[in-house]
mmCIF file of all heavy atoms, coordinates in Angstrom:
data_MODEL
# 
_entry.id   MODEL 
# 
loop_
_atom_site.group_PDB 
_atom_site.id 
_atom_site.type_symbol 
_atom_site.label_atom_id 
_atom_site.label_alt_id 
_atom_site.label_comp_id 
_atom_site.label_asym_id 
_atom_site.label_entity_id 
_atom_site.label_seq_id 
_atom_site.pdbx_PDB_ins_code 
_atom_site.Cartn_x 
_atom_site.Cartn_y 
_atom_site.Cartn_z 
_atom_site.occupancy 
_atom_site.B_iso_or_equiv 
_atom_site.pdbx_formal_charge 
_atom_site.auth_seq_id 
_atom_site.auth_comp_id 
_atom_site.auth_asym_id 
_atom_site.auth_atom_id 
_atom_site.pdbx_PDB_model_num 
ATOM 1   N N   . LEU A 1 1  ? 0.029  -9.465  -1.407  1.00 0.00 ? 1  LEU A N   1 
ATOM 2   C CA  . LEU A 1 1  ? 0.061  -9.292  0.054   1.00 0.00 ? 1  LEU A CA  1 
ATOM 3   C C   . LEU A 1 1  ? -1.006 -10.128 0.623   1.00 0.00 ? 1  LEU A C   1 
ATOM 4   O O   . LEU A 1 1  ? -2.229 -9.817  0.543   1.00 0.00 ? 1  LEU A O   1 
ATOM 5   C CB  . LEU A 1 1  ? -0.082 -7.815  0.402   1.00 0.00 ? 1  LEU A CB  1 
ATOM 6   C CG  . LEU A 1 1  ? 0.172  -7.495  1.883   1.00 0.00 ? 1  LEU A CG  1 
ATOM 7   C CD1 . LEU A 1 1  ? 1.547  -7.916  2.337   1.00 0.00 ? 1  LEU A CD1 1 
ATOM 8   C CD2 . LEU A 1 1  ? -0.029 -5.981  2.121   1.00 0.00 ? 1  LEU A CD2 1 
ATOM 9   N N   . GLU A 1 2  ? -0.647 -11.257 1.312   1.00 0.00 ? 2  GLU A N   1 
ATOM 10  C CA  . GLU A 1 2  ? -1.628 -12.131 1.891   1.00 0.00 ? 2  GLU A CA  1 
ATOM 11  C C   . GLU A 1 2  ? -2.019 -11.706 3.317   1.00 0.00 ? 2  GLU A C   1 
ATOM 12  O O   . GLU A 1 2  ? -1.194 -11.185 4.088   1.00 0.00 ? 2  GLU A O   1 
ATOM 13  C CB  . GLU A 1 2  ? -1.007 -13.545 1.965   1.00 0.00 ? 2  GLU A CB  1 
ATOM 14  C CG  . GLU A 1 2  ? -0.813 -14.260 0.583   1.00 0.00 ? 2  GLU A CG  1 
ATOM 15  C CD  . GLU A 1 2  ? -2.118 -14.916 0.145   1.00 0.00 ? 2  GLU A CD  1 
ATOM 16  O OE1 . GLU A 1 2  ? -2.996 -15.016 0.939   1.00 0.00 ? 2  GLU A OE1 1 
ATOM 17  O OE2 . GLU A 1 2  ? -2.190 -15.214 -1.064  1.00 0.00 ? 2  GLU A OE2 1 
ATOM 18  N N   . ASP A 1 3  ? -3.263 -11.984 3.660   1.00 0.00 ? 3  ASP A N   1 
ATOM 19  C CA  . ASP A 1 3  ? -3.810 -11.748 4.999   1.00 0.00 ? 3  ASP A CA  1 
ATOM 20  C C   . ASP A 1 3  ? -3.624 -10.328 5.460   1.00 0.00 ? 3  ASP A C   1 
ATOM 21  O O   . ASP A 1 3  ? -3.020 -10.006 6.541   1.00 0.00 ? 3  ASP A O   1 
ATOM 22  C CB  . ASP A 1 3  ? -3.142 -12.735 5.993   1.00 0.00 ? 3  ASP A CB  1 
ATOM 23  C CG  . ASP A 1 3  ? -3.541 -14.179 5.719   1.00 0.00 ? 3  ASP A CG  1 
ATOM 24  O OD1 . ASP A 1 3  ? -4.632 -14.378 5.243   1.00 0.00 ? 3  ASP A OD1 1 
ATOM 25  O OD2 . ASP A 1 3  ? -2.732 -15.042 6.004   1.00 0.00 ? 3  ASP A OD2 1 
ATOM 26  N N   . LEU A 1 4  ? -4.140 -9.365  4.688   1.00 0.00 ? 4  LEU A N   1 
ATOM 27  C CA  . LEU A 1 4  ? -4.011 -7.948  5.009   1.00 0.00 ? 4  LEU A CA  1 
ATOM 28  C C   . LEU A 1 4  ? -4.603 -7.653  6.364   1.00 0.00 ? 4  LEU A C   1 
ATOM 29  O O   . LEU A 1 4  ? -4.303 -6.671  6.992   1.00 0.00 ? 4  LEU A O   1 
ATOM 30  C CB  . LEU A 1 4  ? -4.666 -7.124  3.904   1.00 0.00 ? 4  LEU A CB  1 
ATOM 31  C CG  . LEU A 1 4  ? -4.465 -5.599  3.948   1.00 0.00 ? 4  LEU A CG  1 
ATOM 32  C CD1 . LEU A 1 4  ? -2.997 -5.244  3.782   1.00 0.00 ? 4  LEU A CD1 1 
ATOM 33  C CD2 . LEU A 1 4  ? -5.330 -4.893  2.913   1.00 0.00 ? 4  LEU A CD2 1 
ATOM 34  N N   . HIS A 1 5  ? -5.554 -8.426  6.819   1.00 0.00 ? 5  HIS A N   1 
ATOM 35  C CA  . HIS A 1 5  ? -6.232 -8.115  8.103   1.00 0.00 ? 5  HIS A CA  1 
ATOM 36  C C   . HIS A 1 5  ? -5.206 -8.238  9.277   1.00 0.00 ? 5  HIS A C   1 
ATOM 37  O O   . HIS A 1 5  ? -5.554 -7.812  10.368  1.00 0.00 ? 5  HIS A O   1 
ATOM 38  C CB  . HIS A 1 5  ? -7.397 -9.083  8.364   1.00 0.00 ? 5  HIS A CB  1 
ATOM 39  C CG  . HIS A 1 5  ? -7.096 -10.517 8.068   1.00 0.00 ? 5  HIS A CG  1 
ATOM 40  N ND1 . HIS A 1 5  ? -7.179 -11.064 6.804   1.00 0.00 ? 5  HIS A ND1 1 
ATOM 41  C CD2 . HIS A 1 5  ? -6.706 -11.522 8.897   1.00 0.00 ? 5  HIS A CD2 1 
ATOM 42  C CE1 . HIS A 1 5  ? -6.854 -12.342 6.859   1.00 0.00 ? 5  HIS A CE1 1 
ATOM 43  N NE2 . HIS A 1 5  ? -6.571 -12.618 8.176   1.00 0.00 ? 5  HIS A NE2 1 
ATOM 44  N N   . TRP A 1 6  ? -4.044 -8.796  9.071   1.00 0.00 ? 6  TRP A N   1 
ATOM 45  C CA  . TRP A 1 6  ? -3.013 -8.865  10.145  1.00 0.00 ? 6  TRP A CA  1 
ATOM 46  C C   . TRP A 1 6  ? -1.899 -7.898  9.825   1.00 0.00 ? 6  TRP A C   1 
ATOM 47  O O   . TRP A 1 6  ? -0.848 -8.003  10.434  1.00 0.00 ? 6  TRP A O   1 
ATOM 48  C CB  . TRP A 1 6  ? -2.491 -10.292 10.227  1.00 0.00 ? 6  TRP A CB  1 
ATOM 49  C CG  . TRP A 1 6  ? -3.419 -11.237 10.919  1.00 0.00 ? 6  TRP A CG  1 
ATOM 50  C CD1 . TRP A 1 6  ? -4.326 -10.963 11.877  1.00 0.00 ? 6  TRP A CD1 1 
ATOM 51  C CD2 . TRP A 1 6  ? -3.532 -12.637 10.652  1.00 0.00 ? 6  TRP A CD2 1 
ATOM 52  N NE1 . TRP A 1 6  ? -4.993 -12.055 12.272  1.00 0.00 ? 6  TRP A NE1 1 
ATOM 53  C CE2 . TRP A 1 6  ? -4.535 -13.141 11.536  1.00 0.00 ? 6  TRP A CE2 1 
ATOM 54  C CE3 . TRP A 1 6  ? -2.877 -13.527 9.821   1.00 0.00 ? 6  TRP A CE3 1 
ATOM 55  C CZ2 . TRP A 1 6  ? -4.950 -14.455 11.588  1.00 0.00 ? 6  TRP A CZ2 1 
ATOM 56  C CZ3 . TRP A 1 6  ? -3.288 -14.893 9.860   1.00 0.00 ? 6  TRP A CZ3 1 
ATOM 57  C CH2 . TRP A 1 6  ? -4.308 -15.315 10.716  1.00 0.00 ? 6  TRP A CH2 1 
ATOM 58  N N   . CYS A 1 7  ? -2.081 -6.921  9.004   1.00 0.00 ? 7  CYS A N   1 
ATOM 59  C CA  . CYS A 1 7  ? -1.049 -6.045  8.578   1.00 0.00 ? 7  CYS A CA  1 
ATOM 60  C C   . CYS A 1 7  ? -0.693 -5.018  9.671   1.00 0.00 ? 7  CYS A C   1 
ATOM 61  O O   . CYS A 1 7  ? -1.502 -4.657  10.472  1.00 0.00 ? 7  CYS A O   1 
ATOM 62  C CB  . CYS A 1 7  ? -1.503 -5.277  7.348   1.00 0.00 ? 7  CYS A CB  1 
ATOM 63  S SG  . CYS A 1 7  ? -0.181 -4.419  6.464   1.00 0.00 ? 7  CYS A SG  1 
ATOM 64  N N   . ASP A 1 8  ? 0.596  -4.669  9.754   1.00 0.00 ? 8  ASP A N   1 
ATOM 65  C CA  . ASP A 1 8  ? 1.004  -3.635  10.691  1.00 0.00 ? 8  ASP A CA  1 
ATOM 66  C C   . ASP A 1 8  ? 0.769  -2.233  10.231  1.00 0.00 ? 8  ASP A C   1 
ATOM 67  O O   . ASP A 1 8  ? 0.519  -2.019  9.036   1.00 0.00 ? 8  ASP A O   1 
ATOM 68  C CB  . ASP A 1 8  ? 2.512  -3.798  10.972  1.00 0.00 ? 8  ASP A CB  1 
ATOM 69  C CG  . ASP A 1 8  ? 3.397  -3.625  9.731   1.00 0.00 ? 8  ASP A CG  1 
ATOM 70  O OD1 . ASP A 1 8  ? 3.509  -4.568  8.937   1.00 0.00 ? 8  ASP A OD1 1 
ATOM 71  O OD2 . ASP A 1 8  ? 3.893  -2.510  9.552   1.00 0.00 ? 8  ASP A OD2 1 
ATOM 72  N N   . GLN A 1 9  ? 0.827  -1.310  11.110  1.00 0.00 ? 9  GLN A N   1 
ATOM 73  C CA  . GLN A 1 9  ? 0.460  0.149   10.812  1.00 0.00 ? 9  GLN A CA  1 
ATOM 74  C C   . GLN A 1 9  ? 1.408  0.657   9.721   1.00 0.00 ? 9  GLN A C   1 
ATOM 75  O O   . GLN A 1 9  ? 0.947  1.350   8.816   1.00 0.00 ? 9  GLN A O   1 
ATOM 76  C CB  . GLN A 1 9  ? 0.582  0.967   12.041  1.00 0.00 ? 9  GLN A CB  1 
ATOM 77  C CG  . GLN A 1 9  ? 0.444  2.451   11.871  1.00 0.00 ? 9  GLN A CG  1 
ATOM 78  C CD  . GLN A 1 9  ? -0.989 2.799   11.485  1.00 0.00 ? 9  GLN A CD  1 
ATOM 79  O OE1 . GLN A 1 9  ? -1.880 2.717   12.304  1.00 0.00 ? 9  GLN A OE1 1 
ATOM 80  N NE2 . GLN A 1 9  ? -1.186 3.355   10.264  1.00 0.00 ? 9  GLN A NE2 1 
ATOM 81  N N   . ALA A 1 10 ? 2.703  0.420   9.820   1.00 0.00 ? 10 ALA A N   1 
ATOM 82  C CA  . ALA A 1 10 ? 3.683  0.925   8.875   1.00 0.00 ? 10 ALA A CA  1 
ATOM 83  C C   . ALA A 1 10 ? 3.426  0.447   7.444   1.00 0.00 ? 10 ALA A C   1 
ATOM 84  O O   . ALA A 1 10 ? 3.483  1.264   6.510   1.00 0.00 ? 10 ALA A O   1 
ATOM 85  C CB  . ALA A 1 10 ? 5.100  0.615   9.315   1.00 0.00 ? 10 ALA A CB  1 
ATOM 86  N N   . THR A 1 11 ? 3.092  -0.787  7.300   1.00 0.00 ? 11 THR A N   1 
ATOM 87  C CA  . THR A 1 11 ? 2.842  -1.337  5.978   1.00 0.00 ? 11 THR A CA  1 
ATOM 88  C C   . THR A 1 11 ? 1.590  -0.742  5.436   1.00 0.00 ? 11 THR A C   1 
ATOM 89  O O   . THR A 1 11 ? 1.478  -0.397  4.211   1.00 0.00 ? 11 THR A O   1 
ATOM 90  C CB  . THR A 1 11 ? 2.739  -2.850  6.009   1.00 0.00 ? 11 THR A CB  1 
ATOM 91  O OG1 . THR A 1 11 ? 3.990  -3.435  6.512   1.00 0.00 ? 11 THR A OG1 1 
ATOM 92  C CG2 . THR A 1 11 ? 2.397  -3.477  4.692   1.00 0.00 ? 11 THR A CG2 1 
ATOM 93  N N   . LEU A 1 12 ? 0.549  -0.561  6.246   1.00 0.00 ? 12 LEU A N   1 
ATOM 94  C CA  . LEU A 1 12 ? -0.668 0.098   5.798   1.00 0.00 ? 12 LEU A CA  1 
ATOM 95  C C   . LEU A 1 12 ? -0.425 1.545   5.372   1.00 0.00 ? 12 LEU A C   1 
ATOM 96  O O   . LEU A 1 12 ? -0.991 1.958   4.383   1.00 0.00 ? 12 LEU A O   1 
ATOM 97  C CB  . LEU A 1 12 ? -1.752 0.075   6.917   1.00 0.00 ? 12 LEU A CB  1 
ATOM 98  C CG  . LEU A 1 12 ? -2.420 -1.257  7.240   1.00 0.00 ? 12 LEU A CG  1 
ATOM 99  C CD1 . LEU A 1 12 ? -3.351 -1.140  8.416   1.00 0.00 ? 12 LEU A CD1 1 
ATOM 100 C CD2 . LEU A 1 12 ? -3.169 -1.770  6.044   1.00 0.00 ? 12 LEU A CD2 1 
ATOM 101 N N   . ASP A 1 13 ? 0.424  2.219   6.089   1.00 0.00 ? 13 ASP A N   1 
ATOM 102 C CA  . ASP A 1 13 ? 0.827  3.567   5.729   1.00 0.00 ? 13 ASP A CA  1 
ATOM 103 C C   . ASP A 1 13 ? 1.442  3.582   4.329   1.00 0.00 ? 13 ASP A C   1 
ATOM 104 O O   . ASP A 1 13 ? 1.172  4.496   3.503   1.00 0.00 ? 13 ASP A O   1 
ATOM 105 C CB  . ASP A 1 13 ? 1.782  4.194   6.754   1.00 0.00 ? 13 ASP A CB  1 
ATOM 106 C CG  . ASP A 1 13 ? 1.116  4.533   8.040   1.00 0.00 ? 13 ASP A CG  1 
ATOM 107 O OD1 . ASP A 1 13 ? -0.107 4.630   8.045   1.00 0.00 ? 13 ASP A OD1 1 
ATOM 108 O OD2 . ASP A 1 13 ? 1.850  4.736   9.049   1.00 0.00 ? 13 ASP A OD2 1 
ATOM 109 N N   . TRP A 1 14 ? 2.332  2.591   4.063   1.00 0.00 ? 14 TRP A N   1 
ATOM 110 C CA  . TRP A 1 14 ? 3.000  2.571   2.737   1.00 0.00 ? 14 TRP A CA  1 
ATOM 111 C C   . TRP A 1 14 ? 1.968  2.253   1.605   1.00 0.00 ? 14 TRP A C   1 
ATOM 112 O O   . TRP A 1 14 ? 1.984  2.913   0.560   1.00 0.00 ? 14 TRP A O   1 
ATOM 113 C CB  . TRP A 1 14 ? 4.110  1.539   2.690   1.00 0.00 ? 14 TRP A CB  1 
ATOM 114 C CG  . TRP A 1 14 ? 4.737  1.562   1.368   1.00 0.00 ? 14 TRP A CG  1 
ATOM 115 C CD1 . TRP A 1 14 ? 5.712  2.444   0.888   1.00 0.00 ? 14 TRP A CD1 1 
ATOM 116 C CD2 . TRP A 1 14 ? 4.544  0.607   0.262   1.00 0.00 ? 14 TRP A CD2 1 
ATOM 117 N NE1 . TRP A 1 14 ? 6.042  2.127   -0.378  1.00 0.00 ? 14 TRP A NE1 1 
ATOM 118 C CE2 . TRP A 1 14 ? 5.369  1.061   -0.794  1.00 0.00 ? 14 TRP A CE2 1 
ATOM 119 C CE3 . TRP A 1 14 ? 3.705  -0.491  0.099   1.00 0.00 ? 14 TRP A CE3 1 
ATOM 120 C CZ2 . TRP A 1 14 ? 5.350  0.359   -2.035  1.00 0.00 ? 14 TRP A CZ2 1 
ATOM 121 C CZ3 . TRP A 1 14 ? 3.700  -1.170  -1.095  1.00 0.00 ? 14 TRP A CZ3 1 
ATOM 122 C CH2 . TRP A 1 14 ? 4.519  -0.734  -2.176  1.00 0.00 ? 14 TRP A CH2 1 
ATOM 123 N N   . LEU A 1 15 ? 1.037  1.363   1.903   1.00 0.00 ? 15 LEU A N   1 
ATOM 124 C CA  . LEU A 1 15 ? 0.043  1.041   0.919   1.00 0.00 ? 15 LEU A CA  1 
ATOM 125 C C   . LEU A 1 15 ? -0.836 2.253   0.576   1.00 0.00 ? 15 LEU A C   1 
ATOM 126 O O   . LEU A 1 15 ? -1.151 2.510   -0.545  1.00 0.00 ? 15 LEU A O   1 
ATOM 127 C CB  . LEU A 1 15 ? -0.864 -0.099  1.424   1.00 0.00 ? 15 LEU A CB  1 
ATOM 128 C CG  . LEU A 1 15 ? -0.233 -1.480  1.481   1.00 0.00 ? 15 LEU A CG  1 
ATOM 129 C CD1 . LEU A 1 15 ? -1.157 -2.480  2.135   1.00 0.00 ? 15 LEU A CD1 1 
ATOM 130 C CD2 . LEU A 1 15 ? 0.155  -1.982  0.087   1.00 0.00 ? 15 LEU A CD2 1 
ATOM 131 N N   . SER A 1 16 ? -1.194 3.001   1.650   1.00 0.00 ? 16 SER A N   1 
ATOM 132 C CA  . SER A 1 16 ? -1.926 4.221   1.406   1.00 0.00 ? 16 SER A CA  1 
ATOM 133 C C   . SER A 1 16 ? -1.126 5.242   0.600   1.00 0.00 ? 16 SER A C   1 
ATOM 134 O O   . SER A 1 16 ? -1.706 5.886   -0.312  1.00 0.00 ? 16 SER A O   1 
ATOM 135 C CB  . SER A 1 16 ? -2.352 4.816   2.768   1.00 0.00 ? 16 SER A CB  1 
ATOM 136 O OG  . SER A 1 16 ? -3.110 6.015   2.550   1.00 0.00 ? 16 SER A OG  1 
ATOM 137 N N   . PHE A 1 17 ? 0.120  5.346   0.919   1.00 0.00 ? 17 PHE A N   1 
ATOM 138 C CA  . PHE A 1 17 ? 0.972  6.276   0.180   1.00 0.00 ? 17 PHE A CA  1 
ATOM 139 C C   . PHE A 1 17 ? 1.175  5.971   -1.281  1.00 0.00 ? 17 PHE A C   1 
ATOM 140 O O   . PHE A 1 17 ? 1.006  6.846   -2.162  1.00 0.00 ? 17 PHE A O   1 
ATOM 141 C CB  . PHE A 1 17 ? 2.350  6.354   0.857   1.00 0.00 ? 17 PHE A CB  1 
ATOM 142 C CG  . PHE A 1 17 ? 3.312  7.333   0.292   1.00 0.00 ? 17 PHE A CG  1 
ATOM 143 C CD1 . PHE A 1 17 ? 3.210  8.707   0.569   1.00 0.00 ? 17 PHE A CD1 1 
ATOM 144 C CD2 . PHE A 1 17 ? 4.335  6.908   -0.569  1.00 0.00 ? 17 PHE A CD2 1 
ATOM 145 C CE1 . PHE A 1 17 ? 4.131  9.628   0.021   1.00 0.00 ? 17 PHE A CE1 1 
ATOM 146 C CE2 . PHE A 1 17 ? 5.226  7.831   -1.130  1.00 0.00 ? 17 PHE A CE2 1 
ATOM 147 C CZ  . PHE A 1 17 ? 5.135  9.152   -0.782  1.00 0.00 ? 17 PHE A CZ  1 
ATOM 148 N N   . VAL A 1 18 ? 1.441  4.690   -1.570  1.00 0.00 ? 18 VAL A N   1 
ATOM 149 C CA  . VAL A 1 18 ? 1.750  4.302   -2.953  1.00 0.00 ? 18 VAL A CA  1 
ATOM 150 C C   . VAL A 1 18 ? 0.486  4.341   -3.771  1.00 0.00 ? 18 VAL A C   1 
ATOM 151 O O   . VAL A 1 18 ? 0.523  4.561   -5.005  1.00 0.00 ? 18 VAL A O   1 
ATOM 152 C CB  . VAL A 1 18 ? 2.440  2.907   -2.986  1.00 0.00 ? 18 VAL A CB  1 
ATOM 153 C CG1 . VAL A 1 18 ? 1.440  1.773   -2.701  1.00 0.00 ? 18 VAL A CG1 1 
ATOM 154 C CG2 . VAL A 1 18 ? 3.141  2.685   -4.310  1.00 0.00 ? 18 VAL A CG2 1 
ATOM 155 N N   . THR A 1 19 ? -0.702 4.040   -3.202  1.00 0.00 ? 19 THR A N   1 
ATOM 156 C CA  . THR A 1 19 ? -1.941 4.075   -3.979  1.00 0.00 ? 19 THR A CA  1 
ATOM 157 C C   . THR A 1 19 ? -2.428 5.476   -4.240  1.00 0.00 ? 19 THR A C   1 
ATOM 158 O O   . THR A 1 19 ? -3.231 5.702   -5.129  1.00 0.00 ? 19 THR A O   1 
ATOM 159 C CB  . THR A 1 19 ? -3.056 3.272   -3.349  1.00 0.00 ? 19 THR A CB  1 
ATOM 160 O OG1 . THR A 1 19 ? -3.217 3.704   -2.003  1.00 0.00 ? 19 THR A OG1 1 
ATOM 161 C CG2 . THR A 1 19 ? -2.666 1.792   -3.333  1.00 0.00 ? 19 THR A CG2 1 
ATOM 162 N N   . ARG A 1 20 ? -1.962 6.434   -3.474  1.00 0.00 ? 20 ARG A N   1 
ATOM 163 C CA  . ARG A 1 20 ? -2.404 7.823   -3.676  1.00 0.00 ? 20 ARG A CA  1 
ATOM 164 C C   . ARG A 1 20 ? -1.656 8.486   -4.871  1.00 0.00 ? 20 ARG A C   1 
ATOM 165 O O   . ARG A 1 20 ? -2.204 9.497   -5.449  1.00 0.00 ? 20 ARG A O   1 
ATOM 166 C CB  . ARG A 1 20 ? -2.105 8.666   -2.433  1.00 0.00 ? 20 ARG A CB  1 
ATOM 167 C CG  . ARG A 1 20 ? -3.029 8.428   -1.258  1.00 0.00 ? 20 ARG A CG  1 
ATOM 168 C CD  . ARG A 1 20 ? -2.628 9.301   -0.066  1.00 0.00 ? 20 ARG A CD  1 
ATOM 169 N NE  . ARG A 1 20 ? -3.500 9.054   1.055   1.00 0.00 ? 20 ARG A NE  1 
ATOM 170 C CZ  . ARG A 1 20 ? -4.617 9.706   1.294   1.00 0.00 ? 20 ARG A CZ  1 
ATOM 171 N NH1 . ARG A 1 20 ? -5.020 10.585  0.372   1.00 0.00 ? 20 ARG A NH1 1 
ATOM 172 N NH2 . ARG A 1 20 ? -5.355 9.406   2.339   1.00 0.00 ? 20 ARG A NH2 1 
ATOM 173 N N   . ARG A 1 21 ? -0.512 8.049   -5.210  1.00 0.00 ? 21 ARG A N   1 
ATOM 174 C CA  . ARG A 1 21 ? 0.270  8.652   -6.241  1.00 0.00 ? 21 ARG A CA  1 
ATOM 175 C C   . ARG A 1 21 ? -0.378 8.448   -7.626  1.00 0.00 ? 21 ARG A C   1 
ATOM 176 O O   . ARG A 1 21 ? -1.051 7.447   -7.865  1.00 0.00 ? 21 ARG A O   1 
ATOM 177 C CB  . ARG A 1 21 ? 1.740  8.168   -6.210  1.00 0.00 ? 21 ARG A CB  1 
ATOM 178 C CG  . ARG A 1 21 ? 2.375  8.600   -4.965  1.00 0.00 ? 21 ARG A CG  1 
ATOM 179 C CD  . ARG A 1 21 ? 3.722  7.902   -4.750  1.00 0.00 ? 21 ARG A CD  1 
ATOM 180 N NE  . ARG A 1 21 ? 4.716  8.096   -5.805  1.00 0.00 ? 21 ARG A NE  1 
ATOM 181 C CZ  . ARG A 1 21 ? 5.674  9.035   -5.712  1.00 0.00 ? 21 ARG A CZ  1 
ATOM 182 N NH1 . ARG A 1 21 ? 5.702  9.871   -4.724  1.00 0.00 ? 21 ARG A NH1 1 
ATOM 183 N NH2 . ARG A 1 21 ? 6.567  9.115   -6.703  1.00 0.00 ? 21 ARG A NH2 1 
ATOM 184 N N   . ARG A 1 22 ? -0.159 9.371   -8.540  1.00 0.00 ? 22 ARG A N   1 
ATOM 185 C CA  . ARG A 1 22 ? -0.820 9.370   -9.809  1.00 0.00 ? 22 ARG A CA  1 
ATOM 186 C C   . ARG A 1 22 ? 0.085  9.261   -10.992 1.00 0.00 ? 22 ARG A C   1 
ATOM 187 O O   . ARG A 1 22 ? -0.312 9.350   -12.152 1.00 0.00 ? 22 ARG A O   1 
ATOM 188 C CB  . ARG A 1 22 ? -1.665 10.632  -9.958  1.00 0.00 ? 22 ARG A CB  1 
ATOM 189 C CG  . ARG A 1 22 ? -2.836 10.645  -8.972  1.00 0.00 ? 22 ARG A CG  1 
ATOM 190 C CD  . ARG A 1 22 ? -3.847 9.560   -9.349  1.00 0.00 ? 22 ARG A CD  1 
ATOM 191 N NE  . ARG A 1 22 ? -4.975 9.489   -8.371  1.00 0.00 ? 22 ARG A NE  1 
ATOM 192 C CZ  . ARG A 1 22 ? -5.026 8.585   -7.398  1.00 0.00 ? 22 ARG A CZ  1 
ATOM 193 N NH1 . ARG A 1 22 ? -4.000 7.678   -7.247  1.00 0.00 ? 22 ARG A NH1 1 
ATOM 194 N NH2 . ARG A 1 22 ? -6.063 8.570   -6.603  1.00 0.00 ? 22 ARG A NH2 1 
ATOM 195 N N   . SER A 1 23 ? 1.397  9.080   -10.730 1.00 0.00 ? 23 SER A N   1 
ATOM 196 C CA  . SER A 1 23 ? 2.319  8.898   -11.858 1.00 0.00 ? 23 SER A CA  1 
ATOM 197 C C   . SER A 1 23 ? 2.019  7.612   -12.543 1.00 0.00 ? 23 SER A C   1 
ATOM 198 O O   . SER A 1 23 ? 1.553  6.653   -11.928 1.00 0.00 ? 23 SER A O   1 
ATOM 199 C CB  . SER A 1 23 ? 3.752  8.938   -11.370 1.00 0.00 ? 23 SER A CB  1 
ATOM 200 O OG  . SER A 1 23 ? 3.987  7.971   -10.352 1.00 0.00 ? 23 SER A OG  1 
ATOM 201 N N   . ARG A 1 24 ? 2.269  7.476   -13.842 1.00 0.00 ? 24 ARG A N   1 
ATOM 202 C CA  . ARG A 1 24 ? 1.915  6.325   -14.596 1.00 0.00 ? 24 ARG A CA  1 
ATOM 203 C C   . ARG A 1 24 ? 3.012  5.240   -14.487 1.00 0.00 ? 24 ARG A C   1 
ATOM 204 O O   . ARG A 1 24 ? 4.090  5.414   -14.929 1.00 0.00 ? 24 ARG A O   1 
ATOM 205 C CB  . ARG A 1 24 ? 1.684  6.687   -16.058 1.00 0.00 ? 24 ARG A CB  1 
ATOM 206 C CG  . ARG A 1 24 ? 0.550  7.655   -16.282 1.00 0.00 ? 24 ARG A CG  1 
ATOM 207 C CD  . ARG A 1 24 ? 0.294  7.919   -17.762 1.00 0.00 ? 24 ARG A CD  1 
ATOM 208 N NE  . ARG A 1 24 ? -0.173 6.722   -18.456 1.00 0.00 ? 24 ARG A NE  1 
ATOM 209 C CZ  . ARG A 1 24 ? -1.454 6.330   -18.443 1.00 0.00 ? 24 ARG A CZ  1 
ATOM 210 N NH1 . ARG A 1 24 ? -2.383 7.056   -17.844 1.00 0.00 ? 24 ARG A NH1 1 
ATOM 211 N NH2 . ARG A 1 24 ? -1.849 5.209   -19.126 1.00 0.00 ? 24 ARG A NH2 1 
ATOM 212 N N   . VAL A 1 25 ? 2.644  4.183   -13.791 1.00 0.00 ? 25 VAL A N   1 
ATOM 213 C CA  . VAL A 1 25 ? 3.575  3.018   -13.710 1.00 0.00 ? 25 VAL A CA  1 
ATOM 214 C C   . VAL A 1 25 ? 2.734  1.783   -13.805 1.00 0.00 ? 25 VAL A C   1 
ATOM 215 O O   . VAL A 1 25 ? 1.497  1.751   -13.611 1.00 0.00 ? 25 VAL A O   1 
ATOM 216 C CB  . VAL A 1 25 ? 4.259  3.068   -12.264 1.00 0.00 ? 25 VAL A CB  1 
ATOM 217 C CG1 . VAL A 1 25 ? 5.258  4.213   -12.192 1.00 0.00 ? 25 VAL A CG1 1 
ATOM 218 C CG2 . VAL A 1 25 ? 3.286  3.126   -11.120 1.00 0.00 ? 25 VAL A CG2 1 
ATOM 219 N N   . ARG A 1 26 ? 3.446  0.678   -14.097 1.00 0.00 ? 26 ARG A N   1 
ATOM 220 C CA  . ARG A 1 26 ? 2.811  -0.593  -14.324 1.00 0.00 ? 26 ARG A CA  1 
ATOM 221 C C   . ARG A 1 26 ? 2.847  -1.350  -12.984 1.00 0.00 ? 26 ARG A C   1 
ATOM 222 O O   . ARG A 1 26 ? 3.701  -2.279  -12.800 1.00 0.00 ? 26 ARG A O   1 
ATOM 223 C CB  . ARG A 1 26 ? 3.431  -1.364  -15.436 1.00 0.00 ? 26 ARG A CB  1 
ATOM 224 C CG  . ARG A 1 26 ? 3.417  -0.658  -16.804 1.00 0.00 ? 26 ARG A CG  1 
ATOM 225 C CD  . ARG A 1 26 ? 4.102  -1.376  -17.886 1.00 0.00 ? 26 ARG A CD  1 
ATOM 226 N NE  . ARG A 1 26 ? 4.027  -0.686  -19.159 1.00 0.00 ? 26 ARG A NE  1 
ATOM 227 C CZ  . ARG A 1 26 ? 4.580  -1.095  -20.285 1.00 0.00 ? 26 ARG A CZ  1 
ATOM 228 N NH1 . ARG A 1 26 ? 5.299  -2.151  -20.308 1.00 0.00 ? 26 ARG A NH1 1 
ATOM 229 N NH2 . ARG A 1 26 ? 4.437  -0.394  -21.352 1.00 0.00 ? 26 ARG A NH2 1 
ATOM 230 N N   . LEU A 1 27 ? 1.956  -0.997  -12.118 1.00 0.00 ? 27 LEU A N   1 
ATOM 231 C CA  . LEU A 1 27 ? 1.967  -1.603  -10.756 1.00 0.00 ? 27 LEU A CA  1 
ATOM 232 C C   . LEU A 1 27 ? 0.587  -2.213  -10.449 1.00 0.00 ? 27 LEU A C   1 
ATOM 233 O O   . LEU A 1 27 ? -0.454 -1.525  -10.606 1.00 0.00 ? 27 LEU A O   1 
ATOM 234 C CB  . LEU A 1 27 ? 2.298  -0.562  -9.740  1.00 0.00 ? 27 LEU A CB  1 
ATOM 235 C CG  . LEU A 1 27 ? 2.258  -0.986  -8.216  1.00 0.00 ? 27 LEU A CG  1 
ATOM 236 C CD1 . LEU A 1 27 ? 3.275  -2.083  -7.997  1.00 0.00 ? 27 LEU A CD1 1 
ATOM 237 C CD2 . LEU A 1 27 ? 2.542  0.224   -7.343  1.00 0.00 ? 27 LEU A CD2 1 
# 
């Protein structure tokens, strides 16, 4: 994800959501 400083609110919400999860995945 390039230039995160121009990111929209919805995309930031998804990033926060996906990084909070603790299931083991190769991401």
